[in-house]
């Protein structure tokens, strides 16, 4: 029996260590997923916390961690839509405008799930880079800052920022090429605009 199989049995039997292991695996991507749906990171954390409580109370119902994960994404999606609907209701009462993109549930839910998990995967690999490369990559690619803003924030010359960004992207390309060709292609698409000077 694989380690994951033991974990699910322990989880189903109420072992908090198995639950903590599962939470550690899924927390960043599901939180990113919720935040992408409602555009409110703090509320997203609350929604995810409530969903985690729900899976703990229903733990005996899940035959595998994949089932738990699927249930978690569906619960979070539904809670996010409920939250957006409540915003709509409150805004009607107060005559406050809620941005249109928050009122319409996203039709491409799978894209948001994949994006959240991919961002987490990239983030894990970025953490393994040398500190300067990781910081410059995060600021440039993940936060969308311009080169001059990064130079100012880190007190670095332009050449050092370009070098760190280039080295980070090259190192990550190698990692994702080894992992999976599909991930490599997605990584290239995500970082292609950042290969040009900002």
N, C-alpha and C. Protein backbone atom coordinates (compact mmCIF):
# COMPACT_ATOMS: atom_id res chain seq x y z
N UNK A 1 0.85 -1.18 0.00
CA UNK A 1 0.00 0.00 0.00
C UNK A 1 0.89 1.25 0.00
N UNK A 2 0.61 2.16 -0.89
CA UNK A 2 1.42 3.37 -1.02
C UNK A 2 1.21 4.29 0.18
N UNK A 3 2.20 5.17 0.39
CA UNK A 3 2.15 6.11 1.51
C UNK A 3 0.87 6.94 1.48
N UNK A 4 0.47 7.37 0.27
CA UNK A 4 -0.73 8.18 0.15
C UNK A 4 -1.96 7.40 0.59
N UNK A 5 -1.96 6.08 0.31
CA UNK A 5 -3.09 5.23 0.73
C UNK A 5 -3.18 5.16 2.25
N UNK A 6 -2.02 5.05 2.91
CA UNK A 6 -2.03 5.07 4.38
C UNK A 6 -2.54 6.40 4.89
N UNK A 7 -2.12 7.49 4.23
CA UNK A 7 -2.54 8.83 4.65
C UNK A 7 -4.06 8.97 4.59
N UNK A 8 -4.68 8.49 3.49
CA UNK A 8 -6.14 8.65 3.36
C UNK A 8 -6.86 7.82 4.42
N UNK A 9 -6.33 6.64 4.73
CA UNK A 9 -6.95 5.82 5.77
C UNK A 9 -6.86 6.53 7.12
N UNK A 10 -5.68 7.08 7.41
CA UNK A 10 -5.51 7.83 8.66
C UNK A 10 -6.43 9.04 8.70
N UNK A 11 -6.52 9.74 7.58
CA UNK A 11 -7.40 10.91 7.46
C UNK A 11 -8.85 10.52 7.74
N UNK A 12 -9.30 9.46 7.09
CA UNK A 12 -10.69 8.99 7.26
C UNK A 12 -10.97 8.59 8.71
N UNK A 13 -9.92 8.13 9.40
CA UNK A 13 -10.08 7.71 10.79
C UNK A 13 -9.88 8.84 11.79
N UNK A 14 -9.73 10.08 11.28
CA UNK A 14 -9.66 11.24 12.17
C UNK A 14 -8.26 11.64 12.60
N UNK A 15 -7.24 11.15 11.93
CA UNK A 15 -5.86 11.51 12.28
C UNK A 15 -5.56 12.93 11.81
N UNK A 16 -5.30 13.81 12.76
CA UNK A 16 -5.06 15.22 12.42
C UNK A 16 -3.76 15.42 11.65
N UNK A 17 -2.76 14.56 11.85
CA UNK A 17 -1.51 14.67 11.10
C UNK A 17 -1.76 14.42 9.60
N UNK A 18 -2.60 13.45 9.29
CA UNK A 18 -2.93 13.17 7.89
C UNK A 18 -3.70 14.36 7.29
N UNK A 19 -4.57 14.95 8.08
CA UNK A 19 -5.30 16.13 7.61
C UNK A 19 -4.35 17.30 7.37
N UNK A 20 -3.42 17.49 8.29
CA UNK A 20 -2.42 18.57 8.14
C UNK A 20 -1.58 18.33 6.90
N UNK A 21 -1.20 17.09 6.65
CA UNK A 21 -0.43 16.74 5.44
C UNK A 21 -1.23 17.14 4.19
N UNK A 22 -2.51 16.80 4.17
CA UNK A 22 -3.35 17.14 3.02
C UNK A 22 -3.47 18.65 2.84
N UNK A 23 -3.72 19.36 3.93
CA UNK A 23 -3.85 20.82 3.88
C UNK A 23 -2.57 21.44 3.33
N UNK A 24 -1.41 20.95 3.79
CA UNK A 24 -0.13 21.47 3.29
C UNK A 24 0.00 21.28 1.78
N UNK A 25 -0.54 20.19 1.26
CA UNK A 25 -0.46 19.90 -0.18
C UNK A 25 -1.33 20.84 -1.01
N UNK A 26 -2.51 21.16 -0.50
CA UNK A 26 -3.49 21.86 -1.34
C UNK A 26 -3.75 23.33 -1.00
N UNK A 27 -3.32 23.79 0.17
CA UNK A 27 -3.69 25.12 0.61
C UNK A 27 -3.31 26.24 -0.36
N UNK A 28 -2.05 26.33 -0.81
CA UNK A 28 -1.73 27.45 -1.73
C UNK A 28 -2.54 27.45 -3.02
N UNK A 29 -2.65 26.31 -3.73
CA UNK A 29 -3.42 26.40 -4.99
C UNK A 29 -4.91 26.67 -4.79
N UNK A 30 -5.53 26.09 -3.76
CA UNK A 30 -6.97 26.35 -3.59
C UNK A 30 -7.22 27.78 -3.13
N UNK A 31 -6.28 28.35 -2.37
CA UNK A 31 -6.43 29.75 -1.95
C UNK A 31 -6.27 30.67 -3.16
N UNK A 32 -5.30 30.38 -4.03
CA UNK A 32 -5.15 31.15 -5.26
C UNK A 32 -6.39 31.04 -6.14
N UNK A 33 -6.95 29.85 -6.20
CA UNK A 33 -8.16 29.60 -6.98
C UNK A 33 -9.31 30.47 -6.47
N UNK A 34 -9.54 30.46 -5.16
CA UNK A 34 -10.61 31.25 -4.57
C UNK A 34 -10.38 32.75 -4.81
N UNK A 35 -9.14 33.18 -4.60
CA UNK A 35 -8.82 34.60 -4.79
C UNK A 35 -9.03 35.02 -6.24
N UNK A 36 -8.74 34.13 -7.19
CA UNK A 36 -8.95 34.44 -8.60
C UNK A 36 -10.44 34.56 -8.93
N UNK A 37 -11.27 33.77 -8.25
CA UNK A 37 -12.71 33.83 -8.52
C UNK A 37 -13.36 35.09 -7.97
N UNK A 38 -12.95 35.52 -6.78
CA UNK A 38 -13.66 36.64 -6.15
C UNK A 38 -12.84 37.92 -6.08
N UNK A 39 -11.58 37.85 -6.43
CA UNK A 39 -10.72 39.03 -6.45
C UNK A 39 -10.63 39.70 -5.07
N UNK A 40 -10.56 38.86 -4.02
CA UNK A 40 -10.48 39.36 -2.65
C UNK A 40 -9.71 38.33 -1.82
N UNK A 41 -8.39 38.50 -1.71
CA UNK A 41 -7.55 37.49 -1.04
C UNK A 41 -7.94 37.19 0.41
N UNK A 42 -8.35 38.18 1.16
CA UNK A 42 -8.71 37.94 2.57
C UNK A 42 -9.98 37.10 2.69
N UNK A 43 -10.99 37.45 1.91
CA UNK A 43 -12.23 36.67 1.92
C UNK A 43 -11.97 35.27 1.39
N UNK A 44 -11.08 35.16 0.40
CA UNK A 44 -10.72 33.85 -0.17
C UNK A 44 -10.17 32.94 0.93
N UNK A 45 -9.32 33.49 1.80
CA UNK A 45 -8.76 32.68 2.89
C UNK A 45 -9.86 32.18 3.82
N UNK A 46 -10.84 33.05 4.10
CA UNK A 46 -11.96 32.64 4.96
C UNK A 46 -12.77 31.52 4.30
N UNK A 47 -13.03 31.66 3.01
CA UNK A 47 -13.79 30.66 2.28
C UNK A 47 -13.06 29.32 2.29
N UNK A 48 -11.75 29.36 2.06
CA UNK A 48 -10.96 28.13 2.07
C UNK A 48 -10.97 27.50 3.46
N UNK A 49 -10.85 28.29 4.49
CA UNK A 49 -10.88 27.77 5.87
C UNK A 49 -12.20 27.04 6.14
N UNK A 50 -13.30 27.64 5.72
CA UNK A 50 -14.61 27.01 5.93
C UNK A 50 -14.72 25.71 5.14
N UNK A 51 -14.16 25.69 3.94
CA UNK A 51 -14.19 24.47 3.12
C UNK A 51 -13.35 23.37 3.77
N UNK A 52 -12.24 23.75 4.38
CA UNK A 52 -11.39 22.76 5.07
C UNK A 52 -12.14 22.14 6.25
N UNK A 53 -12.87 22.96 6.98
CA UNK A 53 -13.68 22.44 8.09
C UNK A 53 -14.71 21.45 7.55
N UNK A 54 -15.31 21.81 6.41
CA UNK A 54 -16.33 20.94 5.81
C UNK A 54 -15.75 19.58 5.42
N UNK A 55 -14.54 19.56 4.82
CA UNK A 55 -13.98 18.26 4.43
C UNK A 55 -13.58 17.45 5.66
N UNK A 56 -13.17 18.14 6.74
CA UNK A 56 -12.83 17.40 7.95
C UNK A 56 -14.07 16.72 8.53
N UNK A 57 -15.21 17.43 8.53
CA UNK A 57 -16.42 16.82 9.08
C UNK A 57 -16.95 15.69 8.19
N UNK A 58 -16.63 15.73 6.90
CA UNK A 58 -17.10 14.68 5.98
C UNK A 58 -16.01 13.67 5.65
N UNK A 59 -14.92 13.66 6.42
CA UNK A 59 -13.73 12.88 6.08
C UNK A 59 -14.00 11.40 5.82
N UNK A 60 -14.96 10.82 6.50
CA UNK A 60 -15.23 9.39 6.33
C UNK A 60 -15.86 9.08 4.97
N UNK A 61 -16.34 10.10 4.27
CA UNK A 61 -17.03 9.89 2.98
C UNK A 61 -16.08 9.79 1.79
N UNK A 62 -14.79 10.07 1.99
CA UNK A 62 -13.88 10.16 0.85
C UNK A 62 -13.00 8.92 0.72
N UNK A 63 -13.08 8.23 -0.43
CA UNK A 63 -12.24 7.04 -0.63
C UNK A 63 -10.78 7.36 -1.00
N UNK A 64 -10.51 8.57 -1.50
CA UNK A 64 -9.14 8.92 -1.90
C UNK A 64 -8.92 10.42 -1.74
N UNK A 65 -7.65 10.82 -1.76
CA UNK A 65 -7.35 12.25 -1.65
C UNK A 65 -7.80 13.00 -2.91
N UNK A 66 -7.85 12.31 -4.04
CA UNK A 66 -8.35 12.96 -5.26
C UNK A 66 -9.82 13.35 -5.08
N UNK A 67 -10.59 12.48 -4.41
CA UNK A 67 -11.99 12.80 -4.12
C UNK A 67 -12.09 13.99 -3.17
N UNK A 68 -11.22 14.02 -2.16
CA UNK A 68 -11.22 15.14 -1.22
C UNK A 68 -10.90 16.43 -1.97
N UNK A 69 -9.88 16.38 -2.83
CA UNK A 69 -9.45 17.56 -3.57
C UNK A 69 -10.57 18.05 -4.50
N UNK A 70 -11.22 17.13 -5.19
CA UNK A 70 -12.33 17.51 -6.08
C UNK A 70 -13.45 18.17 -5.30
N UNK A 71 -13.82 17.54 -4.18
CA UNK A 71 -14.87 18.10 -3.33
C UNK A 71 -14.48 19.50 -2.84
N UNK A 72 -13.21 19.65 -2.48
CA UNK A 72 -12.72 20.94 -1.99
C UNK A 72 -12.87 22.03 -3.04
N UNK A 73 -12.45 21.75 -4.28
CA UNK A 73 -12.58 22.74 -5.35
C UNK A 73 -14.05 23.10 -5.61
N UNK A 74 -14.91 22.10 -5.62
CA UNK A 74 -16.34 22.38 -5.86
C UNK A 74 -16.92 23.20 -4.72
N UNK A 75 -16.58 22.84 -3.48
CA UNK A 75 -17.08 23.60 -2.31
C UNK A 75 -16.61 25.05 -2.36
N UNK A 76 -15.34 25.23 -2.70
CA UNK A 76 -14.79 26.59 -2.76
C UNK A 76 -15.45 27.37 -3.89
N UNK A 77 -15.62 26.73 -5.02
CA UNK A 77 -16.29 27.41 -6.14
C UNK A 77 -17.69 27.86 -5.74
N UNK A 78 -18.45 26.95 -5.14
CA UNK A 78 -19.82 27.28 -4.74
C UNK A 78 -19.85 28.40 -3.69
N UNK A 79 -18.93 28.34 -2.73
CA UNK A 79 -18.87 29.38 -1.70
C UNK A 79 -18.49 30.73 -2.31
N UNK A 80 -17.60 30.71 -3.29
CA UNK A 80 -17.22 31.96 -3.96
C UNK A 80 -18.40 32.54 -4.72
N UNK A 81 -19.14 31.70 -5.41
CA UNK A 81 -20.32 32.18 -6.14
C UNK A 81 -21.38 32.71 -5.18
N UNK A 82 -21.54 32.04 -4.03
CA UNK A 82 -22.48 32.54 -3.02
C UNK A 82 -22.04 33.91 -2.52
N UNK A 83 -20.74 34.05 -2.30
CA UNK A 83 -20.20 35.33 -1.85
C UNK A 83 -20.47 36.42 -2.89
N UNK A 84 -20.22 36.11 -4.15
CA UNK A 84 -20.46 37.09 -5.22
C UNK A 84 -21.94 37.45 -5.31
N UNK A 85 -22.80 36.45 -5.15
CA UNK A 85 -24.25 36.72 -5.16
C UNK A 85 -24.65 37.62 -4.00
N UNK A 86 -24.03 37.40 -2.82
CA UNK A 86 -24.36 38.24 -1.68
C UNK A 86 -23.87 39.67 -1.91
N UNK A 87 -22.74 39.83 -2.61
CA UNK A 87 -22.28 41.18 -2.96
C UNK A 87 -23.29 41.88 -3.85
N UNK A 88 -23.83 41.13 -4.80
CA UNK A 88 -24.83 41.68 -5.71
C UNK A 88 -26.05 42.14 -4.95
N UNK A 89 -26.53 41.29 -4.04
CA UNK A 89 -27.72 41.62 -3.25
C UNK A 89 -27.47 42.85 -2.38
N UNK A 90 -26.32 42.87 -1.71
CA UNK A 90 -26.00 44.03 -0.86
C UNK A 90 -25.86 45.30 -1.69
N UNK A 91 -25.26 45.17 -2.86
CA UNK A 91 -25.06 46.38 -3.68
C UNK A 91 -26.40 46.91 -4.20
N UNK A 92 -27.37 46.01 -4.44
CA UNK A 92 -28.70 46.47 -4.87
C UNK A 92 -29.38 47.24 -3.75
N UNK A 93 -29.20 46.73 -2.51
CA UNK A 93 -29.81 47.41 -1.37
C UNK A 93 -29.18 48.77 -1.14
N UNK A 94 -27.89 48.86 -1.34
CA UNK A 94 -27.17 50.10 -1.06
C UNK A 94 -26.99 50.95 -2.30
N UNK A 95 -27.40 50.47 -3.44
CA UNK A 95 -27.19 51.14 -4.72
C UNK A 95 -25.70 51.41 -4.97
N UNK A 96 -24.89 50.41 -4.63
CA UNK A 96 -23.45 50.50 -4.86
C UNK A 96 -23.13 49.65 -6.08
N UNK A 97 -22.27 50.15 -6.94
CA UNK A 97 -21.90 49.39 -8.12
C UNK A 97 -20.86 48.34 -7.78
N UNK A 98 -21.14 47.11 -8.17
CA UNK A 98 -20.18 46.01 -8.05
C UNK A 98 -19.63 45.78 -9.45
N UNK A 99 -18.31 45.65 -9.60
CA UNK A 99 -17.75 45.45 -10.93
C UNK A 99 -18.40 44.27 -11.65
N UNK A 100 -18.70 44.46 -12.91
CA UNK A 100 -19.40 43.46 -13.72
C UNK A 100 -18.69 42.12 -13.72
N UNK A 101 -17.36 42.11 -13.77
CA UNK A 101 -16.63 40.84 -13.83
C UNK A 101 -16.78 40.03 -12.54
N UNK A 102 -17.14 40.68 -11.43
CA UNK A 102 -17.39 39.94 -10.20
C UNK A 102 -18.80 39.34 -10.16
N UNK A 103 -19.70 39.89 -10.94
CA UNK A 103 -21.08 39.40 -10.92
C UNK A 103 -21.27 38.16 -11.77
N UNK A 104 -20.47 37.99 -12.78
CA UNK A 104 -20.61 36.87 -13.70
C UNK A 104 -19.70 35.72 -13.29
N UNK A 105 -20.26 34.55 -12.96
CA UNK A 105 -19.39 33.41 -12.65
C UNK A 105 -18.52 33.09 -13.86
N UNK A 106 -17.29 32.76 -13.60
CA UNK A 106 -16.36 32.44 -14.68
C UNK A 106 -16.77 31.12 -15.33
N UNK A 107 -16.91 31.14 -16.64
CA UNK A 107 -17.31 29.95 -17.38
C UNK A 107 -16.15 28.97 -17.54
N UNK A 108 -14.95 29.45 -17.37
CA UNK A 108 -13.79 28.60 -17.58
C UNK A 108 -13.15 28.24 -16.24
N UNK A 109 -13.90 27.50 -15.43
CA UNK A 109 -13.46 27.15 -14.09
C UNK A 109 -12.20 26.30 -14.11
N UNK A 110 -12.12 25.34 -15.02
CA UNK A 110 -10.96 24.46 -15.08
C UNK A 110 -9.69 25.26 -15.34
N UNK A 111 -9.78 26.30 -16.15
CA UNK A 111 -8.62 27.14 -16.42
C UNK A 111 -8.12 27.78 -15.14
N UNK A 112 -9.03 28.24 -14.29
CA UNK A 112 -8.64 28.87 -13.03
C UNK A 112 -8.01 27.85 -12.08
N UNK A 113 -8.53 26.62 -12.06
CA UNK A 113 -7.94 25.58 -11.22
C UNK A 113 -6.53 25.27 -11.69
N UNK A 114 -6.36 25.08 -12.99
CA UNK A 114 -5.04 24.78 -13.55
C UNK A 114 -4.09 25.93 -13.29
N UNK A 115 -4.55 27.14 -13.49
CA UNK A 115 -3.71 28.31 -13.27
C UNK A 115 -3.26 28.39 -11.80
N UNK A 116 -4.17 28.16 -10.87
CA UNK A 116 -3.82 28.22 -9.45
C UNK A 116 -2.78 27.16 -9.10
N UNK A 117 -2.96 25.95 -9.62
CA UNK A 117 -2.00 24.88 -9.31
C UNK A 117 -0.67 25.12 -10.00
N UNK A 118 -0.70 25.66 -11.22
CA UNK A 118 0.54 25.94 -11.93
C UNK A 118 1.33 27.05 -11.24
N UNK A 119 0.62 28.08 -10.78
CA UNK A 119 1.30 29.16 -10.06
C UNK A 119 1.98 28.61 -8.81
N UNK A 120 1.30 27.70 -8.12
CA UNK A 120 1.91 27.10 -6.94
C UNK A 120 3.13 26.26 -7.31
N UNK A 121 3.05 25.51 -8.40
CA UNK A 121 4.17 24.70 -8.85
C UNK A 121 5.37 25.58 -9.22
N UNK A 122 5.10 26.66 -9.95
CA UNK A 122 6.18 27.60 -10.30
C UNK A 122 6.76 28.22 -9.04
N UNK A 123 5.90 28.59 -8.10
CA UNK A 123 6.35 29.22 -6.86
C UNK A 123 7.28 28.29 -6.08
N UNK A 124 6.96 27.01 -6.05
CA UNK A 124 7.81 26.04 -5.37
C UNK A 124 9.19 25.97 -6.02
N UNK A 125 9.21 25.99 -7.35
CA UNK A 125 10.50 25.93 -8.06
C UNK A 125 11.27 27.25 -7.89
N UNK A 126 10.58 28.36 -7.87
CA UNK A 126 11.24 29.66 -7.67
C UNK A 126 11.92 29.68 -6.30
N UNK A 127 11.30 29.06 -5.30
CA UNK A 127 11.89 29.02 -3.96
C UNK A 127 13.24 28.31 -3.94
N UNK A 128 13.50 27.49 -4.94
CA UNK A 128 14.77 26.74 -5.00
C UNK A 128 15.88 27.53 -5.71
N UNK A 129 15.53 28.65 -6.32
CA UNK A 129 16.52 29.47 -7.01
C UNK A 129 17.38 30.24 -6.01
N UNK A 130 18.56 30.72 -6.44
CA UNK A 130 19.32 31.63 -5.58
C UNK A 130 18.45 32.84 -5.23
N UNK A 131 18.70 33.41 -4.07
CA UNK A 131 17.81 34.45 -3.51
C UNK A 131 17.56 35.62 -4.46
N UNK A 132 18.60 36.17 -5.07
CA UNK A 132 18.42 37.33 -5.95
C UNK A 132 17.58 36.96 -7.18
N UNK A 133 17.88 35.81 -7.77
CA UNK A 133 17.11 35.38 -8.94
C UNK A 133 15.64 35.18 -8.57
N UNK A 134 15.40 34.55 -7.44
CA UNK A 134 14.02 34.30 -7.00
C UNK A 134 13.28 35.61 -6.78
N UNK A 135 13.93 36.55 -6.11
CA UNK A 135 13.28 37.83 -5.81
C UNK A 135 12.96 38.59 -7.09
N UNK A 136 13.93 38.67 -8.01
CA UNK A 136 13.72 39.39 -9.27
C UNK A 136 12.63 38.71 -10.10
N UNK A 137 12.64 37.38 -10.16
CA UNK A 137 11.62 36.65 -10.92
C UNK A 137 10.23 36.93 -10.36
N UNK A 138 10.11 36.83 -9.04
CA UNK A 138 8.79 37.08 -8.41
C UNK A 138 8.30 38.50 -8.71
N UNK A 139 9.20 39.46 -8.55
CA UNK A 139 8.80 40.86 -8.76
C UNK A 139 8.43 41.12 -10.22
N UNK A 140 9.19 40.53 -11.13
CA UNK A 140 8.96 40.78 -12.55
C UNK A 140 7.79 39.97 -13.10
N UNK A 141 7.88 38.66 -12.97
CA UNK A 141 6.90 37.78 -13.62
C UNK A 141 5.62 37.64 -12.81
N UNK A 142 5.75 37.48 -11.50
CA UNK A 142 4.57 37.19 -10.70
C UNK A 142 3.86 38.45 -10.20
N UNK A 143 4.62 39.52 -9.96
CA UNK A 143 4.01 40.76 -9.49
C UNK A 143 3.85 41.79 -10.60
N UNK A 144 4.49 41.56 -11.74
CA UNK A 144 4.34 42.45 -12.89
C UNK A 144 5.05 43.79 -12.78
N UNK A 145 6.08 43.88 -11.93
CA UNK A 145 6.80 45.14 -11.80
C UNK A 145 7.73 45.37 -12.99
N UNK A 146 7.95 46.62 -13.30
CA UNK A 146 8.86 46.99 -14.39
C UNK A 146 10.30 46.93 -13.89
N UNK A 147 11.24 46.85 -14.83
CA UNK A 147 12.66 46.74 -14.47
C UNK A 147 13.11 47.90 -13.59
N UNK A 148 12.70 49.13 -13.93
CA UNK A 148 13.14 50.28 -13.12
C UNK A 148 12.58 50.21 -11.70
N UNK A 149 11.37 49.68 -11.53
CA UNK A 149 10.79 49.54 -10.20
C UNK A 149 11.57 48.50 -9.38
N UNK A 150 11.98 47.42 -10.05
CA UNK A 150 12.76 46.38 -9.37
C UNK A 150 14.13 46.93 -8.97
N UNK A 151 14.75 47.66 -9.90
CA UNK A 151 16.06 48.27 -9.61
C UNK A 151 15.97 49.15 -8.36
N UNK A 152 14.94 49.96 -8.31
CA UNK A 152 14.77 50.88 -7.19
C UNK A 152 14.50 50.12 -5.89
N UNK A 153 13.61 49.11 -5.95
CA UNK A 153 13.24 48.37 -4.75
C UNK A 153 14.41 47.57 -4.19
N UNK A 154 15.23 47.02 -5.07
CA UNK A 154 16.34 46.16 -4.62
C UNK A 154 17.68 46.88 -4.60
N UNK A 155 17.66 48.14 -5.04
CA UNK A 155 18.90 48.93 -5.11
C UNK A 155 19.96 48.20 -5.96
N UNK A 156 19.53 47.82 -7.17
CA UNK A 156 20.41 47.11 -8.11
C UNK A 156 20.48 47.86 -9.42
N UNK A 157 21.60 47.73 -10.14
CA UNK A 157 21.65 48.32 -11.48
C UNK A 157 20.80 47.50 -12.46
N UNK A 158 20.43 48.12 -13.55
CA UNK A 158 19.60 47.46 -14.57
C UNK A 158 20.23 46.16 -15.04
N UNK A 159 21.53 46.18 -15.25
CA UNK A 159 22.21 44.97 -15.76
C UNK A 159 22.07 43.80 -14.79
N UNK A 160 22.13 44.07 -13.48
CA UNK A 160 22.00 43.00 -12.49
C UNK A 160 20.58 42.42 -12.48
N UNK A 161 19.60 43.29 -12.66
CA UNK A 161 18.20 42.82 -12.70
C UNK A 161 17.98 41.97 -13.94
N UNK A 162 18.46 42.44 -15.10
CA UNK A 162 18.31 41.67 -16.34
C UNK A 162 19.00 40.31 -16.22
N UNK A 163 20.19 40.31 -15.67
CA UNK A 163 20.95 39.07 -15.53
C UNK A 163 20.22 38.09 -14.61
N UNK A 164 19.75 38.57 -13.46
CA UNK A 164 19.04 37.70 -12.51
C UNK A 164 17.76 37.14 -13.11
N UNK A 165 17.02 38.00 -13.84
CA UNK A 165 15.77 37.54 -14.46
C UNK A 165 16.06 36.49 -15.53
N UNK A 166 17.06 36.75 -16.35
CA UNK A 166 17.43 35.82 -17.41
C UNK A 166 17.89 34.48 -16.85
N UNK A 167 18.72 34.53 -15.80
CA UNK A 167 19.18 33.29 -15.18
C UNK A 167 18.03 32.51 -14.55
N UNK A 168 17.12 33.21 -13.92
CA UNK A 168 15.97 32.54 -13.28
C UNK A 168 15.11 31.85 -14.34
N UNK A 169 14.79 32.57 -15.40
CA UNK A 169 13.95 31.98 -16.44
C UNK A 169 14.65 30.80 -17.10
N UNK A 170 15.95 30.91 -17.36
CA UNK A 170 16.70 29.79 -17.95
C UNK A 170 16.69 28.57 -17.04
N UNK A 171 16.92 28.79 -15.74
CA UNK A 171 16.93 27.67 -14.79
C UNK A 171 15.55 27.02 -14.70
N UNK A 172 14.51 27.83 -14.67
CA UNK A 172 13.15 27.29 -14.57
C UNK A 172 12.74 26.56 -15.84
N UNK A 173 13.20 27.05 -16.98
CA UNK A 173 12.92 26.34 -18.24
C UNK A 173 13.47 24.92 -18.20
N UNK A 174 14.69 24.79 -17.70
CA UNK A 174 15.32 23.46 -17.60
C UNK A 174 14.49 22.57 -16.68
N UNK A 175 14.07 23.10 -15.54
CA UNK A 175 13.27 22.33 -14.59
C UNK A 175 11.97 21.85 -15.22
N UNK A 176 11.24 22.76 -15.88
CA UNK A 176 9.95 22.38 -16.45
C UNK A 176 10.09 21.52 -17.69
N UNK A 177 11.19 21.68 -18.42
CA UNK A 177 11.43 20.79 -19.57
C UNK A 177 11.60 19.36 -19.08
N UNK A 178 12.29 19.19 -17.95
CA UNK A 178 12.50 17.84 -17.39
C UNK A 178 11.21 17.26 -16.81
N UNK A 179 10.40 18.12 -16.22
CA UNK A 179 9.18 17.65 -15.55
C UNK A 179 8.14 17.11 -16.53
N UNK A 180 7.79 17.92 -17.50
CA UNK A 180 6.69 17.54 -18.39
C UNK A 180 6.65 18.53 -19.55
N UNK A 181 6.48 18.02 -20.76
CA UNK A 181 6.49 18.89 -21.93
C UNK A 181 5.33 19.89 -21.89
N UNK A 182 4.17 19.46 -21.43
CA UNK A 182 3.02 20.37 -21.37
C UNK A 182 3.28 21.50 -20.38
N UNK A 183 3.86 21.16 -19.22
CA UNK A 183 4.19 22.20 -18.24
C UNK A 183 5.23 23.15 -18.82
N UNK A 184 6.17 22.61 -19.57
CA UNK A 184 7.21 23.43 -20.17
C UNK A 184 6.60 24.45 -21.13
N UNK A 185 5.67 23.99 -21.96
CA UNK A 185 5.02 24.89 -22.93
C UNK A 185 4.23 25.97 -22.19
N UNK A 186 3.51 25.59 -21.14
CA UNK A 186 2.74 26.57 -20.37
C UNK A 186 3.68 27.58 -19.72
N UNK A 187 4.80 27.08 -19.16
CA UNK A 187 5.77 27.98 -18.54
C UNK A 187 6.32 28.96 -19.56
N UNK A 188 6.62 28.49 -20.76
CA UNK A 188 7.11 29.38 -21.82
C UNK A 188 6.09 30.45 -22.15
N UNK A 189 4.83 30.06 -22.24
CA UNK A 189 3.78 31.03 -22.56
C UNK A 189 3.64 32.08 -21.46
N UNK A 190 3.77 31.65 -20.21
CA UNK A 190 3.65 32.58 -19.09
C UNK A 190 4.81 33.56 -19.02
N UNK A 191 6.00 33.11 -19.39
CA UNK A 191 7.18 33.96 -19.22
C UNK A 191 7.62 34.66 -20.49
N UNK A 192 7.03 34.33 -21.62
CA UNK A 192 7.47 34.92 -22.90
C UNK A 192 7.48 36.46 -22.88
N UNK A 193 6.45 37.13 -22.37
CA UNK A 193 6.49 38.60 -22.36
C UNK A 193 7.63 39.14 -21.50
N UNK A 194 8.07 38.37 -20.51
CA UNK A 194 9.11 38.83 -19.60
C UNK A 194 10.51 38.67 -20.15
N UNK A 195 10.62 38.04 -21.30
CA UNK A 195 11.93 37.92 -21.92
C UNK A 195 12.32 39.24 -22.58
N UNK A 196 11.33 40.06 -22.86
CA UNK A 196 11.58 41.36 -23.44
C UNK A 196 11.84 42.36 -22.32
N UNK A 197 12.56 43.41 -22.61
CA UNK A 197 12.81 44.43 -21.59
C UNK A 197 11.51 45.10 -21.20
N UNK A 198 11.37 45.34 -19.91
CA UNK A 198 10.20 46.08 -19.42
C UNK A 198 10.47 47.55 -19.50
